[in-house]
């Protein structure tokens, strides 16, 4: 009887429904924050390149490419993971302690 009640209370949520507002697919407010945080770094780097090296072209390319690269790194795919998220998962896995159960034969002399 109790099992039937649980089945009745379950709500069907279709695939692809997002629980947060996104400006476009995979890019929401949290990703916008990361992009906005990269802007001062970009401005400082472009200013350094322009003043010290005197190269306007590289400075202009930095202003365009660094924020665009940041957007590409933090945008989330259908699995709700970004490139940065994948890299963090891979680093955590490589740092984690691994257990390899191995049962071999006893030492024979």
PDB file of N, CA and C in Angstrom:
ATOM      1  N   UNK A   1       0.821  -1.190   0.000  1.00  0.00           N
ATOM      2  CA  UNK A   1       0.000   0.000   0.000  1.00  0.00           C
ATOM      3  C   UNK A   1       0.867   1.257   0.000  1.00  0.00           C
ATOM      4  N   UNK A   2       1.895   1.239   0.834  1.00  0.00           N
ATOM      5  CA  UNK A   2       2.778   2.403   0.926  1.00  0.00           C
ATOM      6  C   UNK A   2       3.561   2.603  -0.372  1.00  0.00           C
ATOM      7  N   UNK A   3       3.893   1.513  -1.032  1.00  0.00           N
ATOM      8  CA  UNK A   3       4.624   1.603  -2.296  1.00  0.00           C
ATOM      9  C   UNK A   3       3.769   2.257  -3.383  1.00  0.00           C
ATOM     10  N   UNK A   4       2.485   1.991  -3.395  1.00  0.00           N
ATOM     11  CA  UNK A   4       1.590   2.617  -4.373  1.00  0.00           C
ATOM     12  C   UNK A   4       1.508   4.123  -4.164  1.00  0.00           C
ATOM     13  N   UNK A   5       1.518   4.570  -2.906  1.00  0.00           N
ATOM     14  CA  UNK A   5       1.468   6.007  -2.625  1.00  0.00           C
ATOM     15  C   UNK A   5       2.715   6.710  -3.140  1.00  0.00           C
ATOM     16  N   UNK A   6       3.871   6.068  -3.023  1.00  0.00           N
ATOM     17  CA  UNK A   6       5.110   6.674  -3.512  1.00  0.00           C
ATOM     18  C   UNK A   6       5.078   6.836  -5.027  1.00  0.00           C
ATOM     19  N   UNK A   7       4.519   5.847  -5.726  1.00  0.00           N
ATOM     20  CA  UNK A   7       4.437   5.941  -7.175  1.00  0.00           C
ATOM     21  C   UNK A   7       3.496   7.063  -7.600  1.00  0.00           C
ATOM     22  N   UNK A   8       2.443   7.274  -6.854  1.00  0.00           N
ATOM     23  CA  UNK A   8       1.491   8.323  -7.195  1.00  0.00           C
ATOM     24  C   UNK A   8       2.059   9.710  -6.930  1.00  0.00           C
ATOM     25  N   UNK A   9       2.932   9.850  -5.934  1.00  0.00           N
ATOM     26  CA  UNK A   9       3.483  11.150  -5.573  1.00  0.00           C
ATOM     27  C   UNK A   9       4.620  11.586  -6.486  1.00  0.00           C
ATOM     28  N   UNK A  10       5.196  10.691  -7.254  1.00  0.00           N
ATOM     29  CA  UNK A  10       6.313  11.048  -8.117  1.00  0.00           C
ATOM     30  C   UNK A  10       5.825  11.943  -9.250  1.00  0.00           C
ATOM     31  N   UNK A  11       6.596  12.977  -9.521  1.00  0.00           N
ATOM     32  CA  UNK A  11       6.258  13.924 -10.570  1.00  0.00           C
ATOM     33  C   UNK A  11       7.209  13.700 -11.736  1.00  0.00           C
ATOM     34  N   UNK A  12       6.675  13.688 -12.939  1.00  0.00           N
ATOM     35  CA  UNK A  12       7.496  13.511 -14.128  1.00  0.00           C
ATOM     36  C   UNK A  12       8.073  14.863 -14.529  1.00  0.00           C
ATOM     37  N   UNK A  13       9.405  14.942 -14.586  1.00  0.00           N
ATOM     38  CA  UNK A  13      10.083  16.161 -15.025  1.00  0.00           C
ATOM     39  C   UNK A  13      10.759  15.837 -16.347  1.00  0.00           C
ATOM     40  N   UNK A  14      10.383  16.505 -17.409  1.00  0.00           N
ATOM     41  CA  UNK A  14      10.978  16.207 -18.721  1.00  0.00           C
ATOM     42  C   UNK A  14      12.467  16.526 -18.756  1.00  0.00           C
ATOM     43  N   UNK A  15      13.172  15.848 -19.652  1.00  0.00           N
ATOM     44  CA  UNK A  15      14.608  16.055 -19.829  1.00  0.00           C
ATOM     45  C   UNK A  15      14.855  17.436 -20.418  1.00  0.00           C
ATOM     46  N   UNK A  16      15.868  18.117 -19.917  1.00  0.00           N
ATOM     47  CA  UNK A  16      16.239  19.412 -20.474  1.00  0.00           C
ATOM     48  C   UNK A  16      15.617  20.597 -19.767  1.00  0.00           C
ATOM     49  N   UNK A  17      14.828  20.368 -18.727  1.00  0.00           N
ATOM     50  CA  UNK A  17      14.243  21.480 -17.981  1.00  0.00           C
ATOM     51  C   UNK A  17      15.312  22.027 -17.046  1.00  0.00           C
ATOM     52  N   UNK A  18      15.533  23.313 -17.100  1.00  0.00           N
ATOM     53  CA  UNK A  18      16.550  23.961 -16.269  1.00  0.00           C
ATOM     54  C   UNK A  18      15.873  24.596 -15.062  1.00  0.00           C
ATOM     55  N   UNK A  19      16.541  24.555 -13.930  1.00  0.00           N
ATOM     56  CA  UNK A  19      15.999  25.169 -12.731  1.00  0.00           C
ATOM     57  C   UNK A  19      16.608  26.538 -12.459  1.00  0.00           C
ATOM     58  N   UNK A  20      17.296  27.094 -13.438  1.00  0.00           N
ATOM     59  CA  UNK A  20      17.864  28.428 -13.305  1.00  0.00           C
ATOM     60  C   UNK A  20      17.709  29.166 -14.621  1.00  0.00           C
ATOM     61  N   UNK A  21      17.769  30.473 -14.545  1.00  0.00           N
ATOM     62  CA  UNK A  21      17.601  31.288 -15.742  1.00  0.00           C
ATOM     63  C   UNK A  21      18.912  31.330 -16.515  1.00  0.00           C
ATOM     64  N   UNK A  22      18.822  31.143 -17.813  1.00  0.00           N
ATOM     65  CA  UNK A  22      20.003  31.168 -18.663  1.00  0.00           C
ATOM     66  C   UNK A  22      19.800  32.180 -19.783  1.00  0.00           C
ATOM     67  N   UNK A  23      20.869  32.892 -20.106  1.00  0.00           N
ATOM     68  CA  UNK A  23      20.809  33.857 -21.201  1.00  0.00           C
ATOM     69  C   UNK A  23      20.754  33.131 -22.541  1.00  0.00           C
ATOM     70  N   UNK A  24      21.565  32.104 -22.698  1.00  0.00           N
ATOM     71  CA  UNK A  24      21.466  31.166 -23.810  1.00  0.00           C
ATOM     72  C   UNK A  24      21.859  29.810 -23.270  1.00  0.00           C
ATOM     73  N   UNK A  25      21.685  28.782 -24.058  1.00  0.00           N
ATOM     74  CA  UNK A  25      21.810  27.410 -23.578  1.00  0.00           C
ATOM     75  C   UNK A  25      23.164  27.151 -22.915  1.00  0.00           C
ATOM     76  N   UNK A  26      23.148  26.916 -21.600  1.00  0.00           N
ATOM     77  CA  UNK A  26      24.356  26.601 -20.856  1.00  0.00           C
ATOM     78  C   UNK A  26      25.075  27.788 -20.253  1.00  0.00           C
ATOM     79  N   UNK A  27      24.588  28.991 -20.466  1.00  0.00           N
ATOM     80  CA  UNK A  27      25.260  30.193 -19.960  1.00  0.00           C
ATOM     81  C   UNK A  27      24.269  31.002 -19.133  1.00  0.00           C
ATOM     82  N   UNK A  28      24.451  30.935 -17.806  1.00  0.00           N
ATOM     83  CA  UNK A  28      23.567  31.636 -16.895  1.00  0.00           C
ATOM     84  C   UNK A  28      24.295  32.703 -16.108  1.00  0.00           C
ATOM     85  N   UNK A  29      23.721  33.047 -14.962  1.00  0.00           N
ATOM     86  CA  UNK A  29      24.262  34.128 -14.138  1.00  0.00           C
ATOM     87  C   UNK A  29      25.615  33.743 -13.548  1.00  0.00           C
ATOM     88  N   UNK A  30      25.772  32.500 -13.096  1.00  0.00           N
ATOM     89  CA  UNK A  30      27.053  32.104 -12.492  1.00  0.00           C
ATOM     90  C   UNK A  30      28.182  32.123 -13.524  1.00  0.00           C
ATOM     91  N   UNK A  31      27.902  31.731 -14.755  1.00  0.00           N
ATOM     92  CA  UNK A  31      28.922  31.786 -15.802  1.00  0.00           C
ATOM     93  C   UNK A  31      29.235  33.231 -16.176  1.00  0.00           C
ATOM     94  N   UNK A  32      28.223  34.084 -16.122  1.00  0.00           N
ATOM     95  CA  UNK A  32      28.440  35.505 -16.394  1.00  0.00           C
ATOM     96  C   UNK A  32      29.364  36.121 -15.347  1.00  0.00           C
ATOM     97  N   UNK A  33      29.243  35.675 -14.097  1.00  0.00           N
ATOM     98  CA  UNK A  33      30.125  36.174 -13.035  1.00  0.00           C
ATOM     99  C   UNK A  33      31.587  35.840 -13.340  1.00  0.00           C
ATOM    100  N   UNK A  34      31.845  34.599 -13.783  1.00  0.00           N
ATOM    101  CA  UNK A  34      33.221  34.221 -14.127  1.00  0.00           C
ATOM    102  C   UNK A  34      33.742  35.051 -15.292  1.00  0.00           C
ATOM    103  N   UNK A  35      32.880  35.305 -16.258  1.00  0.00           N
ATOM    104  CA  UNK A  35      33.294  36.115 -17.406  1.00  0.00           C
ATOM    105  C   UNK A  35      33.598  37.539 -16.974  1.00  0.00           C
ATOM    106  N   UNK A  36      32.764  38.091 -16.100  1.00  0.00           N
ATOM    107  CA  UNK A  36      33.006  39.454 -15.616  1.00  0.00           C
ATOM    108  C   UNK A  36      34.262  39.528 -14.751  1.00  0.00           C
ATOM    109  N   UNK A  37      34.595  38.435 -14.049  1.00  0.00           N
ATOM    110  CA  UNK A  37      35.824  38.424 -13.253  1.00  0.00           C
ATOM    111  C   UNK A  37      37.065  38.394 -14.141  1.00  0.00           C
ATOM    112  N   UNK A  38      36.937  37.875 -15.349  1.00  0.00           N
ATOM    113  CA  UNK A  38      38.094  37.832 -16.246  1.00  0.00           C
ATOM    114  C   UNK A  38      38.358  39.179 -16.914  1.00  0.00           C
ATOM    115  N   UNK A  39      37.393  40.080 -16.895  1.00  0.00           N
ATOM    116  CA  UNK A  39      37.560  41.367 -17.579  1.00  0.00           C
ATOM    117  C   UNK A  39      38.657  42.248 -16.980  1.00  0.00           C
ATOM    118  N   UNK A  40      38.762  42.418 -15.645  1.00  0.00           N
ATOM    119  CA  UNK A  40      39.874  43.229 -15.120  1.00  0.00           C
ATOM    120  C   UNK A  40      41.250  42.637 -15.445  1.00  0.00           C
ATOM    121  N   UNK A  41      41.361  41.326 -15.393  1.00  0.00           N
ATOM    122  CA  UNK A  41      42.618  40.677 -15.767  1.00  0.00           C
ATOM    123  C   UNK A  41      42.940  40.954 -17.234  1.00  0.00           C
ATOM    124  N   UNK A  42      41.932  40.875 -18.061  1.00  0.00           N
ATOM    125  CA  UNK A  42      42.122  41.156 -19.486  1.00  0.00           C
ATOM    126  C   UNK A  42      42.544  42.596 -19.708  1.00  0.00           C
ATOM    127  N   UNK A  43      41.881  43.518 -19.014  1.00  0.00           N
ATOM    128  CA  UNK A  43      42.214  44.936 -19.179  1.00  0.00           C
ATOM    129  C   UNK A  43      43.645  45.215 -18.729  1.00  0.00           C
ATOM    130  N   UNK A  44      44.053  44.634 -17.600  1.00  0.00           N
ATOM    131  CA  UNK A  44      45.412  44.850 -17.108  1.00  0.00           C
ATOM    132  C   UNK A  44      46.443  44.263 -18.072  1.00  0.00           C
ATOM    133  N   UNK A  45      46.180  43.077 -18.570  1.00  0.00           N
ATOM    134  CA  UNK A  45      47.108  42.438 -19.497  1.00  0.00           C
ATOM    135  C   UNK A  45      47.189  43.201 -20.818  1.00  0.00           C
ATOM    136  N   UNK A  46      46.048  43.647 -21.318  1.00  0.00           N
ATOM    137  CA  UNK A  46      46.044  44.416 -22.568  1.00  0.00           C
ATOM    138  C   UNK A  46      46.742  45.762 -22.383  1.00  0.00           C
ATOM    139  N   UNK A  47      46.548  46.382 -21.225  1.00  0.00           N
ATOM    140  CA  UNK A  47      47.219  47.651 -20.940  1.00  0.00           C
ATOM    141  C   UNK A  47      48.732  47.459 -20.891  1.00  0.00           C
ATOM    142  N   UNK A  48      49.169  46.382 -20.238  1.00  0.00           N
ATOM    143  CA  UNK A  48      50.601  46.081 -20.160  1.00  0.00           C
ATOM    144  C   UNK A  48      51.190  45.863 -21.555  1.00  0.00           C
ATOM    145  N   UNK A  49      50.505  45.090 -22.368  1.00  0.00           N
ATOM    146  CA  UNK A  49      50.997  44.817 -23.725  1.00  0.00           C
ATOM    147  C   UNK A  49      51.038  46.096 -24.543  1.00  0.00           C
ATOM    148  N   UNK A  50      50.036  46.945 -24.390  1.00  0.00           N
ATOM    149  CA  UNK A  50      49.976  48.190 -25.176  1.00  0.00           C
ATOM    150  C   UNK A  50      51.050  49.178 -24.733  1.00  0.00           C
ATOM    151  N   UNK A  51      51.226  49.354 -23.422  1.00  0.00           N
ATOM    152  CA  UNK A  51      52.161  50.366 -22.923  1.00  0.00           C
ATOM    153  C   UNK A  51      53.605  49.879 -23.010  1.00  0.00           C
ATOM    154  N   UNK A  52      53.872  48.682 -22.530  1.00  0.00           N
ATOM    155  CA  UNK A  52      55.251  48.204 -22.461  1.00  0.00           C
ATOM    156  C   UNK A  52      55.751  47.745 -23.833  1.00  0.00           C
ATOM    157  N   UNK A  53      54.973  46.927 -24.511  1.00  0.00           N
ATOM    158  CA  UNK A  53      55.418  46.394 -25.794  1.00  0.00           C
ATOM    159  C   UNK A  53      55.037  47.296 -26.963  1.00  0.00           C
ATOM    160  N   UNK A  54      54.038  48.128 -26.770  1.00  0.00           N
ATOM    161  CA  UNK A  54      53.613  49.044 -27.818  1.00  0.00           C
ATOM    162  C   UNK A  54      52.906  48.371 -28.979  1.00  0.00           C
ATOM    163  N   UNK A  55      52.315  47.218 -28.736  1.00  0.00           N
ATOM    164  CA  UNK A  55      51.659  46.475 -29.804  1.00  0.00           C
ATOM    165  C   UNK A  55      50.146  46.586 -29.651  1.00  0.00           C
ATOM    166  N   UNK A  56      49.518  47.310 -30.562  1.00  0.00           N
ATOM    167  CA  UNK A  56      48.075  47.527 -30.501  1.00  0.00           C
ATOM    168  C   UNK A  56      47.316  46.285 -30.945  1.00  0.00           C
ATOM    169  N   UNK A  57      47.829  45.581 -31.926  1.00  0.00           N
ATOM    170  CA  UNK A  57      47.136  44.412 -32.458  1.00  0.00           C
ATOM    171  C   UNK A  57      46.992  43.315 -31.406  1.00  0.00           C
ATOM    172  N   UNK A  58      48.080  42.992 -30.732  1.00  0.00           N
ATOM    173  CA  UNK A  58      48.023  41.951 -29.698  1.00  0.00           C
ATOM    174  C   UNK A  58      47.133  42.402 -28.551  1.00  0.00           C
ATOM    175  N   UNK A  59      47.199  43.659 -28.190  1.00  0.00           N
ATOM    176  CA  UNK A  59      46.347  44.191 -27.134  1.00  0.00           C
ATOM    177  C   UNK A  59      44.871  44.050 -27.503  1.00  0.00           C
ATOM    178  N   UNK A  60      44.530  44.369 -28.731  1.00  0.00           N
ATOM    179  CA  UNK A  60      43.139  44.252 -29.183  1.00  0.00           C
ATOM    180  C   UNK A  60      42.687  42.797 -29.226  1.00  0.00           C
ATOM    181  N   UNK A  61      43.564  41.919 -29.668  1.00  0.00           N
ATOM    182  CA  UNK A  61      43.215  40.501 -29.697  1.00  0.00           C
ATOM    183  C   UNK A  61      42.995  39.944 -28.296  1.00  0.00           C
ATOM    184  N   UNK A  62      43.801  40.386 -27.333  1.00  0.00           N
ATOM    185  CA  UNK A  62      43.610  39.938 -25.954  1.00  0.00           C
ATOM    186  C   UNK A  62      42.253  40.371 -25.416  1.00  0.00           C
ATOM    187  N   UNK A  63      41.850  41.598 -25.741  1.00  0.00           N
ATOM    188  CA  UNK A  63      40.563  42.111 -25.265  1.00  0.00           C
ATOM    189  C   UNK A  63      39.412  41.281 -25.820  1.00  0.00           C
ATOM    190  N   UNK A  64      39.580  40.741 -27.008  1.00  0.00           N
ATOM    191  CA  UNK A  64      38.516  39.940 -27.618  1.00  0.00           C
ATOM    192  C   UNK A  64      38.604  38.472 -27.200  1.00  0.00           C
ATOM    193  N   UNK A  65      39.802  37.906 -27.215  1.00  0.00           N
ATOM    194  CA  UNK A  65      39.952  36.463 -27.057  1.00  0.00           C
ATOM    195  C   UNK A  65      39.839  35.962 -25.621  1.00  0.00           C
ATOM    196  N   UNK A  66      40.311  36.716 -24.646  1.00  0.00           N
ATOM    197  CA  UNK A  66      40.264  36.218 -23.265  1.00  0.00           C
ATOM    198  C   UNK A  66      38.824  36.105 -22.752  1.00  0.00           C
ATOM    199  N   UNK A  67      37.976  37.119 -22.897  1.00  0.00           N
ATOM    200  CA  UNK A  67      36.578  36.912 -22.473  1.00  0.00           C
ATOM    201  C   UNK A  67      35.858  35.835 -23.291  1.00  0.00           C
ATOM    202  N   UNK A  68      36.134  35.761 -24.592  1.00  0.00           N
ATOM    203  CA  UNK A  68      35.509  34.712 -25.409  1.00  0.00           C
ATOM    204  C   UNK A  68      35.976  33.329 -24.958  1.00  0.00           C
ATOM    205  N   UNK A  69      37.247  33.202 -24.636  1.00  0.00           N
ATOM    206  CA  UNK A  69      37.761  31.934 -24.123  1.00  0.00           C
ATOM    207  C   UNK A  69      37.167  31.581 -22.777  1.00  0.00           C
ATOM    208  N   UNK A  70      36.965  32.589 -21.938  1.00  0.00           N
ATOM    209  CA  UNK A  70      36.341  32.349 -20.636  1.00  0.00           C
ATOM    210  C   UNK A  70      34.924  31.835 -20.811  1.00  0.00           C
ATOM    211  N   UNK A  71      34.182  32.433 -21.725  1.00  0.00           N
ATOM    212  CA  UNK A  71      32.818  31.962 -21.991  1.00  0.00           C
ATOM    213  C   UNK A  71      32.849  30.521 -22.477  1.00  0.00           C
ATOM    214  N   UNK A  72      33.773  30.203 -23.359  1.00  0.00           N
ATOM    215  CA  UNK A  72      33.851  28.840 -23.883  1.00  0.00           C
ATOM    216  C   UNK A  72      34.246  27.837 -22.800  1.00  0.00           C
ATOM    217  N   UNK A  73      35.049  28.251 -21.826  1.00  0.00           N
ATOM    218  CA  UNK A  73      35.464  27.339 -20.762  1.00  0.00           C
ATOM    219  C   UNK A  73      34.380  27.108 -19.718  1.00  0.00           C
ATOM    220  N   UNK A  74      33.523  28.092 -19.469  1.00  0.00           N
ATOM    221  CA  UNK A  74      32.546  27.955 -18.393  1.00  0.00           C
ATOM    222  C   UNK A  74      31.148  27.597 -18.870  1.00  0.00           C
ATOM    223  N   UNK A  75      30.886  27.598 -20.176  1.00  0.00           N
ATOM    224  CA  UNK A  75      29.556  27.248 -20.672  1.00  0.00           C
ATOM    225  C   UNK A  75      29.308  25.765 -20.402  1.00  0.00           C
ATOM    226  N   UNK A  76      28.086  25.432 -20.006  1.00  0.00           N
ATOM    227  CA  UNK A  76      27.765  24.056 -19.621  1.00  0.00           C
ATOM    228  C   UNK A  76      27.085  23.328 -20.767  1.00  0.00           C
ATOM    229  N   UNK A  77      27.360  22.019 -20.851  1.00  0.00           N
ATOM    230  CA  UNK A  77      26.768  21.210 -21.905  1.00  0.00           C
ATOM    231  C   UNK A  77      25.500  20.535 -21.396  1.00  0.00           C
ATOM    232  N   UNK A  78      25.013  19.543 -22.118  1.00  0.00           N
ATOM    233  CA  UNK A  78      23.767  18.855 -21.750  1.00  0.00           C
ATOM    234  C   UNK A  78      23.887  18.091 -20.436  1.00  0.00           C
ATOM    235  N   UNK A  79      25.104  17.716 -20.058  1.00  0.00           N
ATOM    236  CA  UNK A  79      25.324  16.989 -18.805  1.00  0.00           C
ATOM    237  C   UNK A  79      25.497  17.930 -17.622  1.00  0.00           C
ATOM    238  N   UNK A  80      25.345  19.227 -17.853  1.00  0.00           N
ATOM    239  CA  UNK A  80      25.474  20.268 -16.834  1.00  0.00           C
ATOM    240  C   UNK A  80      26.906  20.361 -16.302  1.00  0.00           C
ATOM    241  N   UNK A  81      27.880  20.127 -17.182  1.00  0.00           N
ATOM    242  CA  UNK A  81      29.287  20.267 -16.824  1.00  0.00           C
ATOM    243  C   UNK A  81      29.979  21.139 -17.855  1.00  0.00           C
ATOM    244  N   UNK A  82      30.913  21.935 -17.382  1.00  0.00           N
ATOM    245  CA  UNK A  82      31.701  22.775 -18.280  1.00  0.00           C
ATOM    246  C   UNK A  82      33.081  22.151 -18.462  1.00  0.00           C
ATOM    247  N   UNK A  83      33.894  22.760 -19.304  1.00  0.00           N
ATOM    248  CA  UNK A  83      35.262  22.272 -19.509  1.00  0.00           C
ATOM    249  C   UNK A  83      36.038  22.372 -18.201  1.00  0.00           C
ATOM    250  N   UNK A  84      35.837  23.459 -17.478  1.00  0.00           N
ATOM    251  CA  UNK A  84      36.502  23.625 -16.181  1.00  0.00           C
ATOM    252  C   UNK A  84      36.027  22.545 -15.213  1.00  0.00           C
ATOM    253  N   UNK A  85      34.748  22.230 -15.237  1.00  0.00           N
ATOM    254  CA  UNK A  85      34.215  21.168 -14.390  1.00  0.00           C
ATOM    255  C   UNK A  85      34.818  19.816 -14.712  1.00  0.00           C
ATOM    256  N   UNK A  86      34.932  19.506 -16.009  1.00  0.00           N
ATOM    257  CA  UNK A  86      35.578  18.253 -16.414  1.00  0.00           C
ATOM    258  C   UNK A  86      37.018  18.197 -15.921  1.00  0.00           C
ATOM    259  N   UNK A  87      37.759  19.299 -16.074  1.00  0.00           N
ATOM    260  CA  UNK A  87      39.154  19.321 -15.631  1.00  0.00           C
ATOM    261  C   UNK A  87      39.258  19.132 -14.123  1.00  0.00           C
ATOM    262  N   UNK A  88      38.357  19.749 -13.367  1.00  0.00           N
ATOM    263  CA  UNK A  88      38.384  19.587 -11.909  1.00  0.00           C
ATOM    264  C   UNK A  88      38.079  18.147 -11.514  1.00  0.00           C
ATOM    265  N   UNK A  89      37.130  17.518 -12.195  1.00  0.00           N
ATOM    266  CA  UNK A  89      36.815  16.120 -11.904  1.00  0.00           C
ATOM    267  C   UNK A  89      38.013  15.228 -12.217  1.00  0.00           C
ATOM    268  N   UNK A  90      38.670  15.472 -13.345  1.00  0.00           N
ATOM    269  CA  UNK A  90      39.840  14.659 -13.703  1.00  0.00           C
ATOM    270  C   UNK A  90      40.982  14.852 -12.713  1.00  0.00           C
ATOM    271  N   UNK A  91      41.205  16.090 -12.250  1.00  0.00           N
ATOM    272  CA  UNK A  91      42.271  16.321 -11.266  1.00  0.00           C
ATOM    273  C   UNK A  91      41.934  15.656  -9.942  1.00  0.00           C
ATOM    274  N   UNK A  92      40.669  15.760  -9.497  1.00  0.00           N
ATOM    275  CA  UNK A  92      40.277  15.115  -8.252  1.00  0.00           C
ATOM    276  C   UNK A  92      40.456  13.604  -8.341  1.00  0.00           C
ATOM    277  N   UNK A  93      40.118  13.033  -9.492  1.00  0.00           N
ATOM    278  CA  UNK A  93      40.284  11.591  -9.660  1.00  0.00           C
ATOM    279  C   UNK A  93      41.757  11.201  -9.642  1.00  0.00           C
ATOM    280  N   UNK A  94      42.603  11.995 -10.285  1.00  0.00           N
ATOM    281  CA  UNK A  94      44.025  11.642 -10.317  1.00  0.00           C
ATOM    282  C   UNK A  94      44.679  11.803  -8.949  1.00  0.00           C
ATOM    283  N   UNK A  95      44.173  12.722  -8.132  1.00  0.00           N
ATOM    284  CA  UNK A  95      44.731  12.915  -6.792  1.00  0.00           C
ATOM    285  C   UNK A  95      44.157  11.932  -5.780  1.00  0.00           C
ATOM    286  N   UNK A  96      43.031  11.330  -6.086  1.00  0.00           N
ATOM    287  CA  UNK A  96      42.358  10.461  -5.122  1.00  0.00           C
ATOM    288  C   UNK A  96      43.157   9.181  -4.918  1.00  0.00           C
ATOM    289  N   UNK A  97      43.012   8.659  -3.746  1.00  0.00           N
ATOM    290  CA  UNK A  97      43.681   7.409  -3.435  1.00  0.00           C
ATOM    291  C   UNK A  97      42.940   6.283  -4.143  1.00  0.00           C
ATOM    292  N   UNK A  98      43.685   5.421  -4.782  1.00  0.00           N
ATOM    293  CA  UNK A  98      43.085   4.333  -5.531  1.00  0.00           C
ATOM    294  C   UNK A  98      43.390   3.006  -4.848  1.00  0.00           C
ATOM    295  N   UNK A  99      42.440   2.124  -4.910  1.00  0.00           N
ATOM    296  CA  UNK A  99      42.573   0.817  -4.287  1.00  0.00           C
ATOM    297  C   UNK A  99      42.430  -0.242  -5.375  1.00  0.00           C
ATOM    298  N   UNK A 100      43.468  -1.026  -5.543  1.00  0.00           N
ATOM    299  CA  UNK A 100      43.454  -2.080  -6.543  1.00  0.00           C
ATOM    300  C   UNK A 100      43.550  -3.425  -5.825  1.00  0.00           C
ATOM    301  N   UNK A 101      42.430  -4.079  -5.617  1.00  0.00           N
ATOM    302  CA  UNK A 101      42.491  -5.375  -4.935  1.00  0.00           C
ATOM    303  C   UNK A 101      43.128  -6.423  -5.853  1.00  0.00           C
ATOM    304  N   UNK A 102      44.211  -6.986  -5.397  1.00  0.00           N
ATOM    305  CA  UNK A 102      44.924  -7.985  -6.190  1.00  0.00           C
ATOM    306  C   UNK A 102      45.244  -9.162  -5.294  1.00  0.00           C
ATOM    307  N   UNK A 103      44.814 -10.301  -5.740  1.00  0.00           N
ATOM    308  CA  UNK A 103      45.123 -11.516  -4.997  1.00  0.00           C
ATOM    309  C   UNK A 103      45.974 -12.396  -5.898  1.00  0.00           C
ATOM    310  N   UNK A 104      47.219 -12.472  -5.556  1.00  0.00           N
ATOM    311  CA  UNK A 104      48.142 -13.282  -6.350  1.00  0.00           C
ATOM    312  C   UNK A 104      48.520 -14.557  -5.615  1.00  0.00           C
ATOM    313  N   UNK A 105      49.328 -15.332  -6.265  1.00  0.00           N
ATOM    314  CA  UNK A 105      49.802 -16.551  -5.628  1.00  0.00           C
ATOM    315  C   UNK A 105      50.830 -16.199  -4.565  1.00  0.00           C
ATOM    316  N   UNK A 106      50.986 -17.093  -3.611  1.00  0.00           N
ATOM    317  CA  UNK A 106      51.974 -16.860  -2.562  1.00  0.00           C
ATOM    318  C   UNK A 106      53.369 -16.973  -3.147  1.00  0.00           C
ATOM    319  N   UNK A 107      54.293 -16.345  -2.474  1.00  0.00           N
ATOM    320  CA  UNK A 107      55.684 -16.371  -2.930  1.00  0.00           C
ATOM    321  C   UNK A 107      56.218 -17.797  -2.892  1.00  0.00           C
ATOM    322  N   UNK A 108      56.823 -18.163  -3.982  1.00  0.00           N
ATOM    323  CA  UNK A 108      57.401 -19.508  -4.058  1.00  0.00           C
ATOM    324  C   UNK A 108      58.913 -19.357  -4.174  1.00  0.00           C
ATOM    325  N   UNK A 109      59.639 -20.043  -3.285  1.00  0.00           N
ATOM    326  CA  UNK A 109      61.104 -19.946  -3.301  1.00  0.00           C
ATOM    327  C   UNK A 109      61.693 -21.206  -3.870  1.00  0.00           C
TER     328      UNK A 109
END
